[in-house]
Amino acid sequence: MTAVAPSDALTEEIRAISGVKSVTVMGTAYTIVSTSDSGNMNRIMEVAMRHGGVGNITADKSNLEDVFLTLTGRNLRDGGEG
């Protein structure tokens, strides 16, 4: 998701939503990892709209490499320290 007005308050409210496992922020880009089928997309959007809105949003299902990267901080093929 791209936030119109990213803030610490927005980040913390998203982190507090049931099913959200992690929130990473890089500039205006928020990467939100949530439990499968948590149904919290509407809640995330409601929170973001209260904090200035959303520029765009993309929902993807994780693959094994995404899960590995989230857990270890490195790609499957990195081989080195993360």
PDB file of N, CA and C in Angstrom:
ATOM      1  N   MET A   1       0.851  -1.151   0.000  1.00  0.00           N
ATOM      2  CA  MET A   1       0.000   0.000   0.000  1.00  0.00           C
ATOM      3  C   MET A   1       0.903   1.220   0.000  1.00  0.00           C
ATOM      4  N   THR A   2       0.484   2.244  -0.696  1.00  0.00           N
ATOM      5  CA  THR A   2       1.167   3.521  -0.652  1.00  0.00           C
ATOM      6  C   THR A   2       0.290   4.504   0.114  1.00  0.00           C
ATOM      7  N   ALA A   3       0.807   5.024   1.210  1.00  0.00           N
ATOM      8  CA  ALA A   3       0.047   5.951   2.048  1.00  0.00           C
ATOM      9  C   ALA A   3       0.252   7.377   1.553  1.00  0.00           C
ATOM     10  N   VAL A   4      -0.816   8.155   1.539  1.00  0.00           N
ATOM     11  CA  VAL A   4      -0.731   9.561   1.171  1.00  0.00           C
ATOM     12  C   VAL A   4       0.027  10.327   2.248  1.00  0.00           C
ATOM     13  N   ALA A   5      -0.222   9.996   3.513  1.00  0.00           N
ATOM     14  CA  ALA A   5       0.422  10.692   4.628  1.00  0.00           C
ATOM     15  C   ALA A   5       0.951   9.666   5.636  1.00  0.00           C
ATOM     16  N   PRO A   6       2.101   9.038   5.333  1.00  0.00           N
ATOM     17  CA  PRO A   6       2.632   8.044   6.268  1.00  0.00           C
ATOM     18  C   PRO A   6       2.978   8.681   7.606  1.00  0.00           C
ATOM     19  N   SER A   7       2.779   7.922   8.665  1.00  0.00           N
ATOM     20  CA  SER A   7       3.092   8.430  10.007  1.00  0.00           C
ATOM     21  C   SER A   7       3.288   7.253  10.953  1.00  0.00           C
ATOM     22  N   ASP A   8       3.923   7.549  12.078  1.00  0.00           N
ATOM     23  CA  ASP A   8       4.084   6.521  13.108  1.00  0.00           C
ATOM     24  C   ASP A   8       2.729   6.067  13.645  1.00  0.00           C
ATOM     25  N   ALA A   9       1.785   7.007  13.760  1.00  0.00           N
ATOM     26  CA  ALA A   9       0.450   6.665  14.259  1.00  0.00           C
ATOM     27  C   ALA A   9      -0.249   5.689  13.313  1.00  0.00           C
ATOM     28  N   LEU A  10      -0.146   5.926  11.993  1.00  0.00           N
ATOM     29  CA  LEU A  10      -0.736   5.014  11.010  1.00  0.00           C
ATOM     30  C   LEU A  10      -0.101   3.634  11.132  1.00  0.00           C
ATOM     31  N   THR A  11       1.217   3.606  11.202  1.00  0.00           N
ATOM     32  CA  THR A  11       1.933   2.333  11.312  1.00  0.00           C
ATOM     33  C   THR A  11       1.478   1.557  12.542  1.00  0.00           C
ATOM     34  N   GLU A  12       1.387   2.227  13.676  1.00  0.00           N
ATOM     35  CA  GLU A  12       0.991   1.552  14.917  1.00  0.00           C
ATOM     36  C   GLU A  12      -0.451   1.071  14.867  1.00  0.00           C
ATOM     37  N   GLU A  13      -1.346   1.846  14.271  1.00  0.00           N
ATOM     38  CA  GLU A  13      -2.747   1.396  14.160  1.00  0.00           C
ATOM     39  C   GLU A  13      -2.866   0.169  13.268  1.00  0.00           C
ATOM     40  N   ILE A  14      -2.094   0.143  12.180  1.00  0.00           N
ATOM     41  CA  ILE A  14      -2.128  -1.037  11.298  1.00  0.00           C
ATOM     42  C   ILE A  14      -1.566  -2.243  12.037  1.00  0.00           C
ATOM     43  N   ARG A  15      -0.460  -2.067  12.757  1.00  0.00           N
ATOM     44  CA  ARG A  15       0.137  -3.175  13.520  1.00  0.00           C
ATOM     45  C   ARG A  15      -0.835  -3.752  14.548  1.00  0.00           C
ATOM     46  N   ALA A  16      -1.734  -2.923  15.066  1.00  0.00           N
ATOM     47  CA  ALA A  16      -2.674  -3.356  16.106  1.00  0.00           C
ATOM     48  C   ALA A  16      -3.877  -4.122  15.548  1.00  0.00           C
ATOM     49  N   ILE A  17      -4.043  -4.148  14.233  1.00  0.00           N
ATOM     50  CA  ILE A  17      -5.182  -4.848  13.627  1.00  0.00           C
ATOM     51  C   ILE A  17      -4.988  -6.353  13.759  1.00  0.00           C
ATOM     52  N   SER A  18      -6.029  -7.036  14.159  1.00  0.00           N
ATOM     53  CA  SER A  18      -5.990  -8.484  14.319  1.00  0.00           C
ATOM     54  C   SER A  18      -5.577  -9.156  13.009  1.00  0.00           C
ATOM     55  N   GLY A  19      -4.614 -10.065  13.093  1.00  0.00           N
ATOM     56  CA  GLY A  19      -4.150 -10.807  11.930  1.00  0.00           C
ATOM     57  C   GLY A  19      -2.919 -10.205  11.266  1.00  0.00           C
ATOM     58  N   VAL A  20      -2.592  -8.945  11.558  1.00  0.00           N
ATOM     59  CA  VAL A  20      -1.401  -8.326  10.972  1.00  0.00           C
ATOM     60  C   VAL A  20      -0.181  -8.865  11.707  1.00  0.00           C
ATOM     61  N   LYS A  21       0.752  -9.448  10.931  1.00  0.00           N
ATOM     62  CA  LYS A  21       1.948 -10.031  11.508  1.00  0.00           C
ATOM     63  C   LYS A  21       3.126  -9.069  11.503  1.00  0.00           C
ATOM     64  N   SER A  22       3.236  -8.237  10.462  1.00  0.00           N
ATOM     65  CA  SER A  22       4.325  -7.265  10.412  1.00  0.00           C
ATOM     66  C   SER A  22       3.970  -6.126   9.476  1.00  0.00           C
ATOM     67  N   VAL A  23       4.590  -4.980   9.736  1.00  0.00           N
ATOM     68  CA  VAL A  23       4.425  -3.792   8.895  1.00  0.00           C
ATOM     69  C   VAL A  23       5.815  -3.209   8.679  1.00  0.00           C
ATOM     70  N   THR A  24       6.194  -3.069   7.412  1.00  0.00           N
ATOM     71  CA  THR A  24       7.470  -2.463   7.052  1.00  0.00           C
ATOM     72  C   THR A  24       7.172  -1.208   6.256  1.00  0.00           C
ATOM     73  N   VAL A  25       7.849  -0.116   6.591  1.00  0.00           N
ATOM     74  CA  VAL A  25       7.605   1.158   5.920  1.00  0.00           C
ATOM     75  C   VAL A  25       8.902   1.635   5.271  1.00  0.00           C
ATOM     76  N   MET A  26       8.805   1.976   3.979  1.00  0.00           N
ATOM     77  CA  MET A  26       9.919   2.568   3.247  1.00  0.00           C
ATOM     78  C   MET A  26       9.371   3.781   2.512  1.00  0.00           C
ATOM     79  N   GLY A  27       9.581   4.953   3.078  1.00  0.00           N
ATOM     80  CA  GLY A  27       9.006   6.164   2.503  1.00  0.00           C
ATOM     81  C   GLY A  27       7.504   6.154   2.676  1.00  0.00           C
ATOM     82  N   THR A  28       6.775   6.155   1.548  1.00  0.00           N
ATOM     83  CA  THR A  28       5.318   6.093   1.616  1.00  0.00           C
ATOM     84  C   THR A  28       4.789   4.676   1.396  1.00  0.00           C
ATOM     85  N   ALA A  29       5.695   3.728   1.108  1.00  0.00           N
ATOM     86  CA  ALA A  29       5.288   2.349   0.814  1.00  0.00           C
ATOM     87  C   ALA A  29       5.221   1.520   2.090  1.00  0.00           C
ATOM     88  N   TYR A  30       4.062   0.932   2.325  1.00  0.00           N
ATOM     89  CA  TYR A  30       3.841   0.051   3.462  1.00  0.00           C
ATOM     90  C   TYR A  30       3.727  -1.370   2.941  1.00  0.00           C
ATOM     91  N   THR A  31       4.534  -2.271   3.497  1.00  0.00           N
ATOM     92  CA  THR A  31       4.386  -3.693   3.214  1.00  0.00           C
ATOM     93  C   THR A  31       3.797  -4.314   4.469  1.00  0.00           C
ATOM     94  N   ILE A  32       2.605  -4.879   4.307  1.00  0.00           N
ATOM     95  CA  ILE A  32       1.869  -5.430   5.440  1.00  0.00           C
ATOM     96  C   ILE A  32       1.735  -6.930   5.234  1.00  0.00           C
ATOM     97  N   VAL A  33       2.219  -7.702   6.193  1.00  0.00           N
ATOM     98  CA  VAL A  33       2.092  -9.157   6.156  1.00  0.00           C
ATOM     99  C   VAL A  33       0.999  -9.526   7.137  1.00  0.00           C
ATOM    100  N   SER A  34       0.030 -10.289   6.640  1.00  0.00           N
ATOM    101  CA  SER A  34      -1.128 -10.652   7.445  1.00  0.00           C
ATOM    102  C   SER A  34      -1.367 -12.148   7.352  1.00  0.00           C
ATOM    103  N   THR A  35      -2.025 -12.691   8.357  1.00  0.00           N
ATOM    104  CA  THR A  35      -2.368 -14.105   8.313  1.00  0.00           C
ATOM    105  C   THR A  35      -3.320 -14.367   7.148  1.00  0.00           C
ATOM    106  N   SER A  36      -3.224 -15.555   6.628  1.00  0.00           N
ATOM    107  CA  SER A  36      -4.049 -15.961   5.498  1.00  0.00           C
ATOM    108  C   SER A  36      -5.522 -15.900   5.871  1.00  0.00           C
ATOM    109  N   ASP A  37      -6.331 -15.373   4.979  1.00  0.00           N
ATOM    110  CA  ASP A  37      -7.780 -15.313   5.151  1.00  0.00           C
ATOM    111  C   ASP A  37      -8.218 -14.594   6.428  1.00  0.00           C
ATOM    112  N   SER A  38      -7.446 -13.602   6.859  1.00  0.00           N
ATOM    113  CA  SER A  38      -7.813 -12.863   8.067  1.00  0.00           C
ATOM    114  C   SER A  38      -8.965 -11.899   7.815  1.00  0.00           C
ATOM    115  N   GLY A  39      -9.180 -11.547   6.547  1.00  0.00           N
ATOM    116  CA  GLY A  39     -10.283 -10.656   6.207  1.00  0.00           C
ATOM    117  C   GLY A  39     -10.112  -9.250   6.745  1.00  0.00           C
ATOM    118  N   ASN A  40      -8.862  -8.823   6.940  1.00  0.00           N
ATOM    119  CA  ASN A  40      -8.654  -7.513   7.538  1.00  0.00           C
ATOM    120  C   ASN A  40      -8.334  -6.406   6.527  1.00  0.00           C
ATOM    121  N   MET A  41      -8.433  -6.661   5.253  1.00  0.00           N
ATOM    122  CA  MET A  41      -8.131  -5.655   4.235  1.00  0.00           C
ATOM    123  C   MET A  41      -9.018  -4.420   4.400  1.00  0.00           C
ATOM    124  N   ASN A  42     -10.307  -4.613   4.649  1.00  0.00           N
ATOM    125  CA  ASN A  42     -11.200  -3.470   4.843  1.00  0.00           C
ATOM    126  C   ASN A  42     -10.793  -2.647   6.059  1.00  0.00           C
ATOM    127  N   ARG A  43     -10.409  -3.305   7.130  1.00  0.00           N
ATOM    128  CA  ARG A  43      -9.989  -2.602   8.350  1.00  0.00           C
ATOM    129  C   ARG A  43      -8.712  -1.797   8.093  1.00  0.00           C
ATOM    130  N   ILE A  44      -7.769  -2.370   7.374  1.00  0.00           N
ATOM    131  CA  ILE A  44      -6.537  -1.660   7.022  1.00  0.00           C
ATOM    132  C   ILE A  44      -6.864  -0.420   6.198  1.00  0.00           C
ATOM    133  N   MET A  45      -7.774  -0.561   5.249  1.00  0.00           N
ATOM    134  CA  MET A  45      -8.163   0.582   4.418  1.00  0.00           C
ATOM    135  C   MET A  45      -8.851   1.659   5.250  1.00  0.00           C
ATOM    136  N   GLU A  46      -9.715   1.271   6.184  1.00  0.00           N
ATOM    137  CA  GLU A  46     -10.397   2.236   7.053  1.00  0.00           C
ATOM    138  C   GLU A  46      -9.376   3.048   7.857  1.00  0.00           C
ATOM    139  N   VAL A  47      -8.403   2.364   8.420  1.00  0.00           N
ATOM    140  CA  VAL A  47      -7.368   3.038   9.205  1.00  0.00           C
ATOM    141  C   VAL A  47      -6.578   3.991   8.314  1.00  0.00           C
ATOM    142  N   ALA A  48      -6.163   3.528   7.141  1.00  0.00           N
ATOM    143  CA  ALA A  48      -5.385   4.363   6.228  1.00  0.00           C
ATOM    144  C   ALA A  48      -6.175   5.591   5.777  1.00  0.00           C
ATOM    145  N   MET A  49      -7.469   5.438   5.547  1.00  0.00           N
ATOM    146  CA  MET A  49      -8.291   6.573   5.110  1.00  0.00           C
ATOM    147  C   MET A  49      -8.393   7.629   6.208  1.00  0.00           C
ATOM    148  N   ARG A  50      -8.421   7.211   7.460  1.00  0.00           N
ATOM    149  CA  ARG A  50      -8.444   8.169   8.571  1.00  0.00           C
ATOM    150  C   ARG A  50      -7.134   8.943   8.686  1.00  0.00           C
ATOM    151  N   HIS A  51      -6.075   8.393   8.112  1.00  0.00           N
ATOM    152  CA  HIS A  51      -4.744   9.012   8.195  1.00  0.00           C
ATOM    153  C   HIS A  51      -4.327   9.628   6.864  1.00  0.00           C
ATOM    154  N   GLY A  52      -5.259  10.076   6.050  1.00  0.00           N
ATOM    155  CA  GLY A  52      -4.909  10.795   4.837  1.00  0.00           C
ATOM    156  C   GLY A  52      -5.166  10.073   3.542  1.00  0.00           C
ATOM    157  N   GLY A  53      -5.436   8.776   3.590  1.00  0.00           N
ATOM    158  CA  GLY A  53      -5.790   8.053   2.382  1.00  0.00           C
ATOM    159  C   GLY A  53      -4.678   7.157   1.849  1.00  0.00           C
ATOM    160  N   VAL A  54      -5.009   6.508   0.740  1.00  0.00           N
ATOM    161  CA  VAL A  54      -4.136   5.530   0.105  1.00  0.00           C
ATOM    162  C   VAL A  54      -3.918   5.930  -1.344  1.00  0.00           C
ATOM    163  N   GLY A  55      -2.655   5.925  -1.780  1.00  0.00           N
ATOM    164  CA  GLY A  55      -2.346   6.200  -3.175  1.00  0.00           C
ATOM    165  C   GLY A  55      -2.653   5.001  -4.048  1.00  0.00           C
ATOM    166  N   ASN A  56      -2.261   3.818  -3.590  1.00  0.00           N
ATOM    167  CA  ASN A  56      -2.604   2.559  -4.266  1.00  0.00           C
ATOM    168  C   ASN A  56      -2.422   1.410  -3.289  1.00  0.00           C
ATOM    169  N   ILE A  57      -2.981   0.281  -3.675  1.00  0.00           N
ATOM    170  CA  ILE A  57      -2.869  -0.907  -2.829  1.00  0.00           C
ATOM    171  C   ILE A  57      -2.801  -2.131  -3.724  1.00  0.00           C
ATOM    172  N   THR A  58      -1.966  -3.077  -3.338  1.00  0.00           N
ATOM    173  CA  THR A  58      -1.825  -4.328  -4.066  1.00  0.00           C
ATOM    174  C   THR A  58      -1.858  -5.456  -3.045  1.00  0.00           C
ATOM    175  N   ALA A  59      -2.615  -6.487  -3.327  1.00  0.00           N
ATOM    176  CA  ALA A  59      -2.675  -7.648  -2.441  1.00  0.00           C
ATOM    177  C   ALA A  59      -2.076  -8.848  -3.159  1.00  0.00           C
ATOM    178  N   ASP A  60      -1.122  -9.488  -2.516  1.00  0.00           N
ATOM    179  CA  ASP A  60      -0.467 -10.667  -3.079  1.00  0.00           C
ATOM    180  C   ASP A  60      -0.491 -11.787  -2.060  1.00  0.00           C
ATOM    181  N   LYS A  61      -0.564 -12.995  -2.552  1.00  0.00           N
ATOM    182  CA  LYS A  61      -0.395 -14.156  -1.679  1.00  0.00           C
ATOM    183  C   LYS A  61       1.093 -14.474  -1.634  1.00  0.00           C
ATOM    184  N   SER A  62       1.578 -14.835  -0.471  1.00  0.00           N
ATOM    185  CA  SER A  62       2.993 -15.141  -0.291  1.00  0.00           C
ATOM    186  C   SER A  62       3.345 -16.484  -0.893  1.00  0.00           C
ATOM    187  N   ASN A  63       4.564 -16.556  -1.408  1.00  0.00           N
ATOM    188  CA  ASN A  63       5.094 -17.849  -1.823  1.00  0.00           C
ATOM    189  C   ASN A  63       6.138 -18.267  -0.785  1.00  0.00           C
ATOM    190  N   LEU A  64       6.715 -19.416  -0.927  1.00  0.00           N
ATOM    191  CA  LEU A  64       7.654 -19.936   0.054  1.00  0.00           C
ATOM    192  C   LEU A  64       8.850 -19.006   0.232  1.00  0.00           C
ATOM    193  N   GLU A  65       9.359 -18.439  -0.853  1.00  0.00           N
ATOM    194  CA  GLU A  65      10.508 -17.541  -0.735  1.00  0.00           C
ATOM    195  C   GLU A  65      10.145 -16.274   0.044  1.00  0.00           C
ATOM    196  N   ASP A  66       8.934 -15.738  -0.162  1.00  0.00           N
ATOM    197  CA  ASP A  66       8.495 -14.566   0.603  1.00  0.00           C
ATOM    198  C   ASP A  66       8.474 -14.869   2.103  1.00  0.00           C
ATOM    199  N   VAL A  67       7.952 -16.042   2.454  1.00  0.00           N
ATOM    200  CA  VAL A  67       7.879 -16.439   3.859  1.00  0.00           C
ATOM    201  C   VAL A  67       9.285 -16.579   4.438  1.00  0.00           C
ATOM    202  N   PHE A  68      10.179 -17.214   3.694  1.00  0.00           N
ATOM    203  CA  PHE A  68      11.557 -17.399   4.143  1.00  0.00           C
ATOM    204  C   PHE A  68      12.234 -16.048   4.360  1.00  0.00           C
ATOM    205  N   LEU A  69      12.057 -15.118   3.417  1.00  0.00           N
ATOM    206  CA  LEU A  69      12.650 -13.791   3.523  1.00  0.00           C
ATOM    207  C   LEU A  69      12.115 -13.054   4.752  1.00  0.00           C
ATOM    208  N   THR A  70      10.824 -13.153   4.999  1.00  0.00           N
ATOM    209  CA  THR A  70      10.228 -12.499   6.162  1.00  0.00           C
ATOM    210  C   THR A  70      10.790 -13.070   7.457  1.00  0.00           C
ATOM    211  N   LEU A  71      10.968 -14.376   7.503  1.00  0.00           N
ATOM    212  CA  LEU A  71      11.443 -15.024   8.726  1.00  0.00           C
ATOM    213  C   LEU A  71      12.938 -14.849   8.962  1.00  0.00           C
ATOM    214  N   THR A  72      13.745 -14.849   7.890  1.00  0.00           N
ATOM    215  CA  THR A  72      15.198 -14.852   8.051  1.00  0.00           C
ATOM    216  C   THR A  72      15.876 -13.549   7.643  1.00  0.00           C
ATOM    217  N   GLY A  73      15.201 -12.728   6.865  1.00  0.00           N
ATOM    218  CA  GLY A  73      15.815 -11.486   6.395  1.00  0.00           C
ATOM    219  C   GLY A  73      16.725 -11.674   5.205  1.00  0.00           C
ATOM    220  N   ARG A  74      16.724 -12.868   4.603  1.00  0.00           N
ATOM    221  CA  ARG A  74      17.552 -13.092   3.408  1.00  0.00           C
ATOM    222  C   ARG A  74      16.825 -14.019   2.445  1.00  0.00           C
ATOM    223  N   ASN A  75      17.200 -13.933   1.173  1.00  0.00           N
ATOM    224  CA  ASN A  75      16.601 -14.776   0.144  1.00  0.00           C
ATOM    225  C   ASN A  75      17.098 -16.207   0.258  1.00  0.00           C
ATOM    226  N   LEU A  76      16.358 -17.134  -0.318  1.00  0.00           N
ATOM    227  CA  LEU A  76      16.738 -18.541  -0.293  1.00  0.00           C
ATOM    228  C   LEU A  76      18.114 -18.759  -0.902  1.00  0.00           C
ATOM    229  N   ARG A  77      18.449 -18.004  -1.930  1.00  0.00           N
ATOM    230  CA  ARG A  77      19.699 -18.218  -2.654  1.00  0.00           C
ATOM    231  C   ARG A  77      20.847 -17.348  -2.159  1.00  0.00           C
ATOM    232  N   ASP A  78      20.641 -16.510  -1.153  1.00  0.00           N
ATOM    233  CA  ASP A  78      21.710 -15.638  -0.643  1.00  0.00           C
ATOM    234  C   ASP A  78      22.863 -16.431  -0.067  1.00  0.00           C
ATOM    235  N   GLY A  79      22.530 -17.413   0.730  1.00  0.00           N
ATOM    236  CA  GLY A  79      23.569 -18.266   1.320  1.00  0.00           C
ATOM    237  C   GLY A  79      24.358 -17.604   2.439  1.00  0.00           C
ATOM    238  N   GLY A  80      24.430 -16.287   2.444  1.00  0.00           N
ATOM    239  CA  GLY A  80      25.204 -15.571   3.463  1.00  0.00           C
ATOM    240  C   GLY A  80      24.341 -15.126   4.616  1.00  0.00           C
ATOM    241  N   GLU A  81      24.945 -14.369   5.480  1.00  0.00           N
ATOM    242  CA  GLU A  81      24.218 -13.836   6.616  1.00  0.00           C
ATOM    243  C   GLU A  81      23.264 -12.748   6.170  1.00  0.00           C
ATOM    244  N   GLY A  82      22.087 -12.645   6.835  1.00  0.00           N
ATOM    245  CA  GLY A  82      21.067 -11.652   6.496  1.00  0.00           C
ATOM    246  C   GLY A  82      21.221 -10.357   7.203  1.00  0.00           C
TER     247      GLY A  82
END
